[in-house]
C-alpha atoms as a PDB file:
ATOM      1  CA  MET A   1       0.017  -0.018  -0.116  1.00  0.00           C
ATOM      2  CA  LYS A   2       2.869   2.430   0.779  1.00  0.00           C
ATOM      3  CA  ILE A   3       4.371   1.861  -2.627  1.00  0.00           C
ATOM      4  CA  GLY A   4       1.051   2.566  -4.434  1.00  0.00           C
ATOM      5  CA  SER A   5       0.850   5.749  -2.327  1.00  0.00           C
ATOM      6  CA  LEU A   6       4.205   6.668  -3.189  1.00  0.00           C
ATOM      7  CA  LEU A   7       3.725   6.167  -6.846  1.00  0.00           C
ATOM      8  CA  PHE A   8       0.469   8.185  -6.936  1.00  0.00           C
ATOM      9  CA  THR A   9       2.271  11.068  -5.188  1.00  0.00           C
ATOM     10  CA  LEU A  10       5.125  11.030  -7.659  1.00  0.00           C
ATOM     11  CA  ALA A  11       2.852  10.856 -10.594  1.00  0.00           C
ATOM     12  CA  VAL A  12       0.899  13.855  -9.418  1.00  0.00           C
ATOM     13  CA  SER A  13       3.916  15.724  -8.586  1.00  0.00           C
ATOM     14  CA  SER A  14       5.436  15.218 -12.043  1.00  0.00           C
ATOM     15  CA  LEU A  15       2.198  16.328 -13.677  1.00  0.00           C
ATOM     16  CA  ALA A  16       2.194  19.604 -11.550  1.00  0.00           C
ATOM     17  CA  HIS A  17       5.657  20.186 -12.416  1.00  0.00           C
ATOM     18  CA  THR A  18       5.014  19.811 -16.246  1.00  0.00           C
ATOM     19  CA  GLY A  19       2.281  22.330 -16.068  1.00  0.00           C
ATOM     20  CA  LEU A  20       4.471  24.837 -14.403  1.00  0.00           C
ATOM     21  CA  ALA A  21       6.928  24.222 -17.162  1.00  0.00           C
ATOM     22  CA  VAL A  22       4.333  25.012 -19.839  1.00  0.00           C
ATOM     23  CA  ALA A  23       3.294  28.064 -17.955  1.00  0.00           C
ATOM     24  CA  ALA A  24       6.939  29.194 -17.633  1.00  0.00           C
ATOM     25  CA  ASP A  25       7.261  28.661 -21.645  1.00  0.00           C
ATOM     26  CA  ASP A  26       4.069  30.809 -22.216  1.00  0.00           C
ATOM     27  CA  GLY A  27       5.421  33.349 -19.920  1.00  0.00           C
ATOM     28  CA  THR A  28       8.781  33.582 -21.692  1.00  0.00           C
ATOM     29  CA  ALA A  29       7.057  33.784 -25.011  1.00  0.00           C
ATOM     30  CA  ALA A  30       4.993  36.572 -23.934  1.00  0.00           C
ATOM     31  CA  VAL A  31       7.953  38.455 -22.664  1.00  0.00           C
ATOM     32  CA  GLU A  32       9.892  37.885 -25.768  1.00  0.00           C
ATOM     33  CA  ALA A  33       6.961  39.063 -27.785  1.00  0.00           C
ATOM     34  CA  LEU A  34       6.904  42.308 -25.844  1.00  0.00           C
ATOM     35  CA  GLY A  35      10.631  42.626 -26.192  1.00  0.00           C
ATOM     36  CA  ARG A  36      10.291  42.470 -30.146  1.00  0.00           C
ATOM     37  CA  LEU A  37       7.879  45.139 -29.976  1.00  0.00           C
ATOM     38  CA  ASN A  38      10.072  47.143 -27.683  1.00  0.00           C
ATOM     39  CA  GLY A  39      12.798  46.825 -30.254  1.00  0.00           C
ATOM     40  CA  ILE A  40      10.676  47.970 -33.084  1.00  0.00           C
ATOM     41  CA  ALA A  41       9.258  51.034 -31.012  1.00  0.00           C
ATOM     42  CA  LEU A  42      12.809  51.797 -30.229  1.00  0.00           C
ATOM     43  CA  ALA A  43      14.138  51.569 -33.945  1.00  0.00           C
ATOM     44  CA  CYS A  44      10.861  53.469 -34.978  1.00  0.00           C
ATOM     45  CA  GLN A  45      11.442  56.309 -32.470  1.00  0.00           C
ATOM     46  CA  GLN A  46       8.187  55.514 -30.448  1.00  0.00           C
ATOM     47  CA  PRO A  47       9.301  56.401 -26.890  1.00  0.00           C
ATOM     48  CA  ALA A  48       5.906  56.266 -25.412  1.00  0.00           C
ATOM     49  CA  LEU A  49       5.642  52.667 -26.782  1.00  0.00           C
ATOM     50  CA  VAL A  50       9.059  51.850 -25.556  1.00  0.00           C
ATOM     51  CA  SER A  51       8.037  52.804 -21.991  1.00  0.00           C
ATOM     52  CA  ARG A  52       4.740  50.989 -22.105  1.00  0.00           C
ATOM     53  CA  ALA A  53       6.445  47.616 -23.168  1.00  0.00           C
ATOM     54  CA  ARG A  54       9.110  47.946 -20.366  1.00  0.00           C
ATOM     55  CA  ASN A  55       6.576  48.905 -17.680  1.00  0.00           C
ATOM     56  CA  ALA A  56       4.166  46.080 -18.831  1.00  0.00           C
ATOM     57  CA  VAL A  57       6.959  43.492 -18.266  1.00  0.00           C
ATOM     58  CA  VAL A  58       8.269  45.028 -15.076  1.00  0.00           C
ATOM     59  CA  THR A  59       4.692  45.323 -13.378  1.00  0.00           C
ATOM     60  CA  THR A  60       3.400  41.817 -14.798  1.00  0.00           C
ATOM     61  CA  ALA A  61       6.220  39.227 -15.010  1.00  0.00           C
ATOM     62  CA  PRO A  62       8.209  37.840 -12.240  1.00  0.00           C
ATOM     63  CA  LYS A  63      11.310  39.859 -11.416  1.00  0.00           C
ATOM     64  CA  THR A  64      13.847  36.914 -12.550  1.00  0.00           C
ATOM     65  CA  ARG A  65      17.107  37.118 -14.465  1.00  0.00           C
ATOM     66  CA  GLY A  66      15.529  34.840 -17.080  1.00  0.00           C
ATOM     67  CA  TYR A  67      12.596  36.992 -17.932  1.00  0.00           C
ATOM     68  CA  GLY A  68      14.777  40.187 -18.004  1.00  0.00           C
ATOM     69  CA  GLU A  69      17.053  38.419 -20.199  1.00  0.00           C
ATOM     70  CA  ALA A  70      14.488  37.254 -22.680  1.00  0.00           C
ATOM     71  CA  PHE A  71      13.267  40.831 -22.841  1.00  0.00           C
ATOM     72  CA  GLU A  72      16.582  42.314 -23.551  1.00  0.00           C
ATOM     73  CA  ALA A  73      17.544  39.646 -26.132  1.00  0.00           C
ATOM     74  CA  ALA A  74      14.332  40.107 -28.074  1.00  0.00           C
ATOM     75  CA  THR A  75      14.450  43.756 -27.886  1.00  0.00           C
ATOM     76  CA  ASN A  76      18.040  43.829 -29.265  1.00  0.00           C
ATOM     77  CA  ALA A  77      17.289  41.467 -32.129  1.00  0.00           C
ATOM     78  CA  ALA A  78      14.206  43.453 -33.209  1.00  0.00           C
ATOM     79  CA  TYR A  79      16.193  46.610 -32.970  1.00  0.00           C
ATOM     80  CA  LEU A  80      19.062  45.294 -35.008  1.00  0.00           C
ATOM     81  CA  GLU A  81      16.715  43.747 -37.495  1.00  0.00           C
ATOM     82  CA  HIS A  82      15.165  47.183 -38.139  1.00  0.00           C
ATOM     83  CA  GLY A  83      18.725  48.636 -38.764  1.00  0.00           C
ATOM     84  CA  LYS A  84      18.866  46.481 -41.867  1.00  0.00           C
ATOM     85  CA  GLY A  85      16.193  48.880 -43.588  1.00  0.00           C
ATOM     86  CA  VAL A  86      12.899  47.299 -42.488  1.00  0.00           C
ATOM     87  CA  ALA A  87      10.044  49.443 -42.605  1.00  0.00           C
ATOM     88  CA  CYS A  88       8.349  50.752 -39.354  1.00  0.00           C
ATOM     89  CA  PRO A  89       4.670  50.199 -38.670  1.00  0.00           C
ATOM     90  CA  ASP A  90       2.443  53.138 -38.085  1.00  0.00           C
ATOM     91  CA  ALA A  91       2.155  54.259 -34.341  1.00  0.00           C
ATOM     92  CA  ALA A  92      -1.439  52.887 -34.226  1.00  0.00           C
ATOM     93  CA  THR A  93      -0.624  49.470 -35.654  1.00  0.00           C
ATOM     94  CA  LEU A  94       2.333  49.075 -33.337  1.00  0.00           C
ATOM     95  CA  ALA A  95       0.109  50.227 -30.276  1.00  0.00           C
ATOM     96  CA  SER A  96      -2.444  47.595 -31.219  1.00  0.00           C
ATOM     97  CA  GLN A  97       0.171  44.906 -31.399  1.00  0.00           C
ATOM     98  CA  MET A  98       1.381  46.114 -27.904  1.00  0.00           C
ATOM     99  CA  ALA A  99      -2.003  45.876 -26.324  1.00  0.00           C
ATOM    100  CA  THR A 100      -2.355  42.355 -27.730  1.00  0.00           C
ATOM    101  CA  ALA A 101       0.919  41.367 -26.453  1.00  0.00           C
ATOM    102  CA  GLU A 102       0.159  42.934 -22.968  1.00  0.00           C
ATOM    103  CA  LYS A 103      -3.026  40.882 -22.789  1.00  0.00           C
ATOM    104  CA  ARG A 104      -1.001  37.777 -23.572  1.00  0.00           C
ATOM    105  CA  LEU A 105       1.521  38.592 -20.841  1.00  0.00           C
ATOM    106  CA  GLN A 106      -1.190  39.037 -18.201  1.00  0.00           C
ATOM    107  CA  ALA A 107      -2.877  35.862 -19.211  1.00  0.00           C
ATOM    108  CA  SER A 108       0.429  34.046 -18.908  1.00  0.00           C
ATOM    109  CA  PHE A 109       1.195  35.325 -15.262  1.00  0.00           C
ATOM    110  CA  ALA A 110      -2.549  35.400 -14.032  1.00  0.00           C
ATOM    111  CA  THR A 111      -2.120  32.341 -11.859  1.00  0.00           C
ATOM    112  CA  ILE A 112       1.252  33.504 -10.291  1.00  0.00           C
ATOM    113  CA  LYS A 113      -0.048  36.658  -8.857  1.00  0.00           C
END
């Protein structure tokens, strides 16, 4: 009976851990999406949207090195990509994309708060 109980506990524990890993991956993807938009906003000289993206991550995502690095890496990659002559979206389109990314970020971390 003890072995059955132990196996059940291990099975439930591994399922819970797998769920957390999926949530972390969703969170990282949401942070990276905002980072990409931040890089575009920087390259396209949209300081209000740059501030908005940074504030969304700071106030919503857990304050960990991993999320900070994911945001910075995505920002830098998008910024450098625009340096290769990629056209800037208009401010309204970029703001709309930012709003969508903010909702995704909030949904990714809703269970953590």
